[in-house]
Amino acid sequence: MTQYALLGLGSNVDPEQHIAAMVSALSERFGQLWISSVTRTHPVGVENADDFLNVVVGIQTSMNGRELKAWTKQQEKLLGRDHANPMEHRRACVADMDILALWDGKDSLVDASEFVNEPFFLALADEALDLMEKKDAAWAETFSSSPMEDRVSLFLQDGRSFGLSPVQMSPIVASGRQRSSNG
């Protein structure tokens, strides 16, 4: 069964590199992505830590919740996150991939406040949801809920960019590169 998911990504250790790596892994595994703008946020409940970069990514998947969670935890581990450390949640974070929502009908979820508890993800989740619903590149270039000075532009190794505004990112196809609507 095809499902849709919103994933909240965050990092405050070389965050530009790690957020780009997480988005690359998502693109390689799931193809089509709906990506919110990327924002810089101050750490909450984390001691002696730099600011985080946060982004919400929408995906389409055949995985169930358990499989998707296992896959995201595997990606975090590949990037250097240590889940075995009991104090890990109180330190700086290399990679964090949280499932914010998982549903089986794209039209059934319209308001991020129904499922997002973290305030720093709420506006970003609304951006990704709106993009998934509209699929309109012109809208994406004119809309973003976060102030411009808090947004960050990031680049994947293949040259695609994201971050300053919500973007629908197409998968790379064998016959050539598909580029995001803002890069």
C-alpha atoms as a PDB file:
ATOM      1  CA  MET A   1       0.000   0.000   0.000  1.00  0.00           C
ATOM      2  CA  THR A   2       1.260   3.452  -0.874  1.00  0.00           C
ATOM      3  CA  GLN A   3       1.546   5.837   2.039  1.00  0.00           C
ATOM      4  CA  TYR A   4       2.738   9.380   2.518  1.00  0.00           C
ATOM      5  CA  ALA A   5       4.991  10.590   5.304  1.00  0.00           C
ATOM      6  CA  LEU A   6       6.409  13.813   6.651  1.00  0.00           C
ATOM      7  CA  LEU A   7       9.876  13.513   8.143  1.00  0.00           C
ATOM      8  CA  GLY A   8      11.463  16.158  10.360  1.00  0.00           C
ATOM      9  CA  LEU A   9      15.227  16.397   9.842  1.00  0.00           C
ATOM     10  CA  GLY A  10      17.667  18.182  12.115  1.00  0.00           C
ATOM     11  CA  SER A  11      21.376  18.523  12.777  1.00  0.00           C
ATOM     12  CA  ASN A  12      23.684  20.862  14.662  1.00  0.00           C
ATOM     13  CA  VAL A  13      27.017  19.180  13.899  1.00  0.00           C
ATOM     14  CA  ASP A  14      28.201  20.277  10.457  1.00  0.00           C
ATOM     15  CA  PRO A  15      24.486  20.748   9.778  1.00  0.00           C
ATOM     16  CA  GLU A  16      24.801  21.870   6.150  1.00  0.00           C
ATOM     17  CA  GLN A  17      26.664  18.652   5.313  1.00  0.00           C
ATOM     18  CA  HIS A  18      24.427  16.348   7.364  1.00  0.00           C
ATOM     19  CA  ILE A  19      21.067  17.796   6.258  1.00  0.00           C
ATOM     20  CA  ALA A  20      22.214  17.554   2.624  1.00  0.00           C
ATOM     21  CA  ALA A  21      23.306  13.937   3.231  1.00  0.00           C
ATOM     22  CA  MET A  22      19.921  13.059   4.749  1.00  0.00           C
ATOM     23  CA  VAL A  23      18.038  14.668   1.835  1.00  0.00           C
ATOM     24  CA  SER A  24      20.314  12.825  -0.632  1.00  0.00           C
ATOM     25  CA  ALA A  25      19.566   9.503   1.082  1.00  0.00           C
ATOM     26  CA  LEU A  26      15.833  10.250   0.980  1.00  0.00           C
ATOM     27  CA  SER A  27      16.039  11.157  -2.701  1.00  0.00           C
ATOM     28  CA  GLU A  28      17.945   7.977  -3.533  1.00  0.00           C
ATOM     29  CA  ARG A  29      15.484   5.776  -1.599  1.00  0.00           C
ATOM     30  CA  PHE A  30      12.135   7.444  -2.289  1.00  0.00           C
ATOM     31  CA  GLY A  31      12.625   9.518  -5.451  1.00  0.00           C
ATOM     32  CA  GLN A  32      10.112  12.379  -5.422  1.00  0.00           C
ATOM     33  CA  LEU A  33      10.477  14.682  -2.398  1.00  0.00           C
ATOM     34  CA  TRP A  34       8.508  17.681  -1.154  1.00  0.00           C
ATOM     35  CA  ILE A  35      10.921  19.817   0.881  1.00  0.00           C
ATOM     36  CA  SER A  36      10.139  22.773   3.155  1.00  0.00           C
ATOM     37  CA  SER A  37      12.523  25.669   3.512  1.00  0.00           C
ATOM     38  CA  VAL A  38      15.509  25.002   5.785  1.00  0.00           C
ATOM     39  CA  THR A  39      15.618  27.084   8.960  1.00  0.00           C
ATOM     40  CA  ARG A  40      18.166  27.736  11.669  1.00  0.00           C
ATOM     41  CA  THR A  41      16.826  27.206  15.200  1.00  0.00           C
ATOM     42  CA  HIS A  42      18.315  27.563  18.669  1.00  0.00           C
ATOM     43  CA  PRO A  43      18.762  24.306  20.624  1.00  0.00           C
ATOM     44  CA  VAL A  44      16.198  23.460  23.295  1.00  0.00           C
ATOM     45  CA  GLY A  45      17.178  21.017  26.039  1.00  0.00           C
ATOM     46  CA  VAL A  46      20.607  20.406  24.510  1.00  0.00           C
ATOM     47  CA  GLU A  47      23.648  21.486  26.499  1.00  0.00           C
ATOM     48  CA  ASN A  48      26.559  23.428  24.955  1.00  0.00           C
ATOM     49  CA  ALA A  49      25.256  23.016  21.428  1.00  0.00           C
ATOM     50  CA  ASP A  50      25.323  25.078  18.254  1.00  0.00           C
ATOM     51  CA  ASP A  51      22.172  26.112  16.420  1.00  0.00           C
ATOM     52  CA  PHE A  52      20.265  23.440  14.506  1.00  0.00           C
ATOM     53  CA  LEU A  53      19.230  23.383  10.885  1.00  0.00           C
ATOM     54  CA  ASN A  54      15.742  21.914  10.489  1.00  0.00           C
ATOM     55  CA  VAL A  55      13.707  20.898   7.444  1.00  0.00           C
ATOM     56  CA  VAL A  56      10.565  18.849   6.807  1.00  0.00           C
ATOM     57  CA  VAL A  57      10.483  16.440   3.863  1.00  0.00           C
ATOM     58  CA  GLY A  58       7.407  14.769   2.407  1.00  0.00           C
ATOM     59  CA  ILE A  59       7.802  11.337   0.813  1.00  0.00           C
ATOM     60  CA  GLN A  60       5.692   8.631  -0.785  1.00  0.00           C
ATOM     61  CA  THR A  61       6.532   5.096   0.411  1.00  0.00           C
ATOM     62  CA  SER A  62       5.371   1.501   0.488  1.00  0.00           C
ATOM     63  CA  MET A  63       7.059   1.029   3.888  1.00  0.00           C
ATOM     64  CA  ASN A  64       4.963   0.681   7.023  1.00  0.00           C
ATOM     65  CA  GLY A  65       5.769   2.791  10.094  1.00  0.00           C
ATOM     66  CA  ARG A  66       8.136   0.256  11.641  1.00  0.00           C
ATOM     67  CA  GLU A  67      10.089  -0.223   8.415  1.00  0.00           C
ATOM     68  CA  LEU A  68      10.357   3.520   7.846  1.00  0.00           C
ATOM     69  CA  LYS A  69      11.532   4.116  11.420  1.00  0.00           C
ATOM     70  CA  ALA A  70      14.173   1.371  11.067  1.00  0.00           C
ATOM     71  CA  TRP A  71      15.354   2.913   7.792  1.00  0.00           C
ATOM     72  CA  THR A  72      15.613   6.422   9.301  1.00  0.00           C
ATOM     73  CA  LYS A  73      17.520   5.130  12.344  1.00  0.00           C
ATOM     74  CA  GLN A  74      19.903   3.286  10.009  1.00  0.00           C
ATOM     75  CA  GLN A  75      20.549   6.535   8.113  1.00  0.00           C
ATOM     76  CA  GLU A  76      21.235   8.392  11.372  1.00  0.00           C
ATOM     77  CA  LYS A  77      23.730   5.692  12.375  1.00  0.00           C
ATOM     78  CA  LEU A  78      25.462   5.855   8.964  1.00  0.00           C
ATOM     79  CA  LEU A  79      25.973   9.580   9.546  1.00  0.00           C
ATOM     80  CA  GLY A  80      27.517   8.991  12.979  1.00  0.00           C
ATOM     81  CA  ARG A  81      24.664   9.223  15.482  1.00  0.00           C
ATOM     82  CA  ASP A  82      25.219   7.084  18.589  1.00  0.00           C
ATOM     83  CA  HIS A  83      21.873   5.685  19.779  1.00  0.00           C
ATOM     84  CA  ALA A  84      23.616   3.485  22.382  1.00  0.00           C
ATOM     85  CA  ASN A  85      24.702   6.477  24.491  1.00  0.00           C
ATOM     86  CA  PRO A  86      22.033   7.161  27.182  1.00  0.00           C
ATOM     87  CA  MET A  87      22.922  10.873  27.220  1.00  0.00           C
ATOM     88  CA  GLU A  88      22.834  11.149  23.430  1.00  0.00           C
ATOM     89  CA  HIS A  89      19.607  13.174  23.451  1.00  0.00           C
ATOM     90  CA  ARG A  90      21.229  15.828  25.692  1.00  0.00           C
ATOM     91  CA  ARG A  91      24.184  16.480  23.393  1.00  0.00           C
ATOM     92  CA  ALA A  92      24.819  17.868  19.976  1.00  0.00           C
ATOM     93  CA  CYS A  93      23.109  15.907  17.230  1.00  0.00           C
ATOM     94  CA  VAL A  94      24.787  14.770  14.018  1.00  0.00           C
ATOM     95  CA  ALA A  95      21.561  13.546  12.393  1.00  0.00           C
ATOM     96  CA  ASP A  96      17.965  13.316  13.513  1.00  0.00           C
ATOM     97  CA  MET A  97      15.192  11.949  11.266  1.00  0.00           C
ATOM     98  CA  ASP A  98      11.772  11.877  12.954  1.00  0.00           C
ATOM     99  CA  ILE A  99       8.558  10.579  11.435  1.00  0.00           C
ATOM    100  CA  LEU A 100       6.124  13.429  12.032  1.00  0.00           C
ATOM    101  CA  ALA A 101       3.191  11.847  10.202  1.00  0.00           C
ATOM    102  CA  LEU A 102       2.390   8.730   8.180  1.00  0.00           C
ATOM    103  CA  TRP A 103      -0.931   8.358   6.366  1.00  0.00           C
ATOM    104  CA  ASP A 104      -2.457   6.343   3.542  1.00  0.00           C
ATOM    105  CA  GLY A 105      -4.332   9.083   1.698  1.00  0.00           C
ATOM    106  CA  LYS A 106      -2.607  12.256   0.549  1.00  0.00           C
ATOM    107  CA  ASP A 107      -5.849  14.239   0.759  1.00  0.00           C
ATOM    108  CA  SER A 108      -6.660  13.193   4.328  1.00  0.00           C
ATOM    109  CA  LEU A 109      -4.041  15.342   6.090  1.00  0.00           C
ATOM    110  CA  VAL A 110      -4.266  19.094   5.659  1.00  0.00           C
ATOM    111  CA  ASP A 111      -3.164  20.791   8.898  1.00  0.00           C
ATOM    112  CA  ALA A 112       0.233  20.146  10.445  1.00  0.00           C
ATOM    113  CA  SER A 113      -0.986  21.197  13.893  1.00  0.00           C
ATOM    114  CA  GLU A 114      -2.926  17.894  13.981  1.00  0.00           C
ATOM    115  CA  PHE A 115       0.297  15.912  14.428  1.00  0.00           C
ATOM    116  CA  VAL A 116       3.382  18.117  14.939  1.00  0.00           C
ATOM    117  CA  ASN A 117       4.299  18.780  18.577  1.00  0.00           C
ATOM    118  CA  GLU A 118       7.618  20.568  18.056  1.00  0.00           C
ATOM    119  CA  PRO A 119       6.978  24.266  17.339  1.00  0.00           C
ATOM    120  CA  PHE A 120      10.106  24.556  15.162  1.00  0.00           C
ATOM    121  CA  PHE A 121       8.674  21.882  12.817  1.00  0.00           C
ATOM    122  CA  LEU A 122       5.099  23.195  12.650  1.00  0.00           C
ATOM    123  CA  ALA A 123       5.537  25.935  10.031  1.00  0.00           C
ATOM    124  CA  LEU A 124       7.927  23.750   8.021  1.00  0.00           C
ATOM    125  CA  ALA A 125       5.447  20.854   8.033  1.00  0.00           C
ATOM    126  CA  ASP A 126       2.727  23.197   6.770  1.00  0.00           C
ATOM    127  CA  GLU A 127       5.044  24.281   3.929  1.00  0.00           C
ATOM    128  CA  ALA A 128       5.725  20.676   2.892  1.00  0.00           C
ATOM    129  CA  LEU A 129       2.034  19.737   3.135  1.00  0.00           C
ATOM    130  CA  ASP A 130       1.005  22.742   1.046  1.00  0.00           C
ATOM    131  CA  LEU A 131       3.604  21.838  -1.562  1.00  0.00           C
ATOM    132  CA  MET A 132       2.445  18.207  -1.659  1.00  0.00           C
ATOM    133  CA  GLU A 133      -1.114  19.382  -2.174  1.00  0.00           C
ATOM    134  CA  LYS A 134      -0.448  22.090  -4.765  1.00  0.00           C
ATOM    135  CA  LYS A 135       2.596  20.788  -6.677  1.00  0.00           C
ATOM    136  CA  ASP A 136       3.005  24.342  -7.938  1.00  0.00           C
ATOM    137  CA  ALA A 137       6.550  25.634  -8.426  1.00  0.00           C
ATOM    138  CA  ALA A 138       5.393  29.271  -8.720  1.00  0.00           C
ATOM    139  CA  TRP A 139       3.726  28.990  -5.298  1.00  0.00           C
ATOM    140  CA  ALA A 140       6.888  27.513  -3.783  1.00  0.00           C
ATOM    141  CA  GLU A 141       9.007  30.463  -4.885  1.00  0.00           C
ATOM    142  CA  THR A 142       6.670  33.031  -3.331  1.00  0.00           C
ATOM    143  CA  PHE A 143       5.813  31.263  -0.063  1.00  0.00           C
ATOM    144  CA  SER A 144       7.804  30.571   3.024  1.00  0.00           C
ATOM    145  CA  SER A 145       6.729  30.902   6.626  1.00  0.00           C
ATOM    146  CA  SER A 146      10.162  31.519   8.102  1.00  0.00           C
ATOM    147  CA  PRO A 147      12.007  34.865   8.013  1.00  0.00           C
ATOM    148  CA  MET A 148      14.575  35.070   5.198  1.00  0.00           C
ATOM    149  CA  GLU A 149      17.473  35.637   7.627  1.00  0.00           C
ATOM    150  CA  ASP A 150      16.722  32.265   9.298  1.00  0.00           C
ATOM    151  CA  ARG A 151      16.659  30.300   6.025  1.00  0.00           C
ATOM    152  CA  VAL A 152      19.657  28.445   4.641  1.00  0.00           C
ATOM    153  CA  SER A 153      20.396  27.306   1.090  1.00  0.00           C
ATOM    154  CA  LEU A 154      21.969  23.856   0.774  1.00  0.00           C
ATOM    155  CA  PHE A 155      23.325  21.904  -2.180  1.00  0.00           C
ATOM    156  CA  LEU A 156      23.437  18.192  -2.887  1.00  0.00           C
ATOM    157  CA  GLN A 157      26.538  16.673  -4.469  1.00  0.00           C
ATOM    158  CA  ASP A 158      24.659  16.337  -7.770  1.00  0.00           C
ATOM    159  CA  GLY A 159      24.139  20.120  -7.862  1.00  0.00           C
ATOM    160  CA  ARG A 160      20.473  20.256  -6.851  1.00  0.00           C
ATOM    161  CA  SER A 161      19.663  22.901  -4.251  1.00  0.00           C
ATOM    162  CA  PHE A 162      16.997  23.444  -1.604  1.00  0.00           C
ATOM    163  CA  GLY A 163      16.359  25.486   1.504  1.00  0.00           C
ATOM    164  CA  LEU A 164      15.419  29.087   0.726  1.00  0.00           C
ATOM    165  CA  SER A 165      11.855  28.164  -0.201  1.00  0.00           C
ATOM    166  CA  PRO A 166       9.763  24.993  -0.324  1.00  0.00           C
ATOM    167  CA  VAL A 167      10.649  22.863  -3.344  1.00  0.00           C
ATOM    168  CA  GLN A 168       9.462  19.737  -5.090  1.00  0.00           C
ATOM    169  CA  MET A 169      12.557  17.690  -5.928  1.00  0.00           C
ATOM    170  CA  SER A 170      12.318  15.155  -8.720  1.00  0.00           C
ATOM    171  CA  PRO A 171      14.359  11.966  -8.667  1.00  0.00           C
ATOM    172  CA  ILE A 172      17.475  11.650 -10.774  1.00  0.00           C
ATOM    173  CA  VAL A 173      16.738   9.491 -13.809  1.00  0.00           C
ATOM    174  CA  ALA A 174      19.203   7.351 -15.768  1.00  0.00           C
ATOM    175  CA  SER A 175      18.867   9.384 -18.970  1.00  0.00           C
ATOM    176  CA  GLY A 176      19.927  12.623 -17.275  1.00  0.00           C
ATOM    177  CA  ARG A 177      19.588  14.812 -14.227  1.00  0.00           C
ATOM    178  CA  GLN A 178      16.273  16.231 -13.117  1.00  0.00           C
ATOM    179  CA  ARG A 179      16.688  19.413 -11.133  1.00  0.00           C
ATOM    180  CA  SER A 180      14.623  20.873  -8.326  1.00  0.00           C
ATOM    181  CA  SER A 181      12.458  23.808  -9.243  1.00  0.00           C
ATOM    182  CA  ASN A 182      14.820  26.242  -7.519  1.00  0.00           C
ATOM    183  CA  GLY A 183      18.120  24.832  -8.685  1.00  0.00           C
END
